Amino acid sequence: MNYTEVFKESPNKSGVLQPTGIVLHHSAGNFVGTESWILSPKSKVSYHCLVNTDGNRTILVPDNKRAWHAGVSSFKGKQHCNNFLLGIAVTGNTGKRLLNEDEINSVAEWCVAKMKLYNFGIDRITTHREICPGRKADVDPRAEKSIKEMILEMLNNNH
């Protein structure tokens, strides 16, 4: 499952980050438009990683920098999720479409690598919907379930 990964640094980042988990997002827009928006300082938004429908990824913010993806948020009693969680997004609206196999595999592959690198479990993978209840609806529960099932499969196969 070797997906291409390119680095295009977003100006929308700040401070230092020691990752302790991951937030799953969807961008609502298409890949090219989302990438362009995140590369613009006007957007004031970013993810660490954006996944295209073919599974290829663009890294937009290094893991050790705060991306601006969570906004007002809380996870496991801790506020300001941008301060401690990585953000990864698929394109489009997962409430209106199912993720394809490449997207699921790519997100799961990226998550497993980060889980191993920063030593945290699947219980530290959440969604924008869960950390911003009533404010955000991404990702759809079906997408979350598909990604987490693939993460568990990869972990069980020592991916």
Foldseek 3Di string as FASTA:
>chain_A
DDAAEEEDEAPLWDDFEQAAAEAEFEDQAADVVSVVLRNDPVNSFDAQWEAHLQLHIYGHHDRTIQTHHQPFWDDPRRTDCSRHYGYYYYYRAQVVDPRDPSNLLNVLVVRLVVCVVSVYDPSRYYYSCVGPPPPDCPDPPNSVVSNSVNNVVCVVVVD
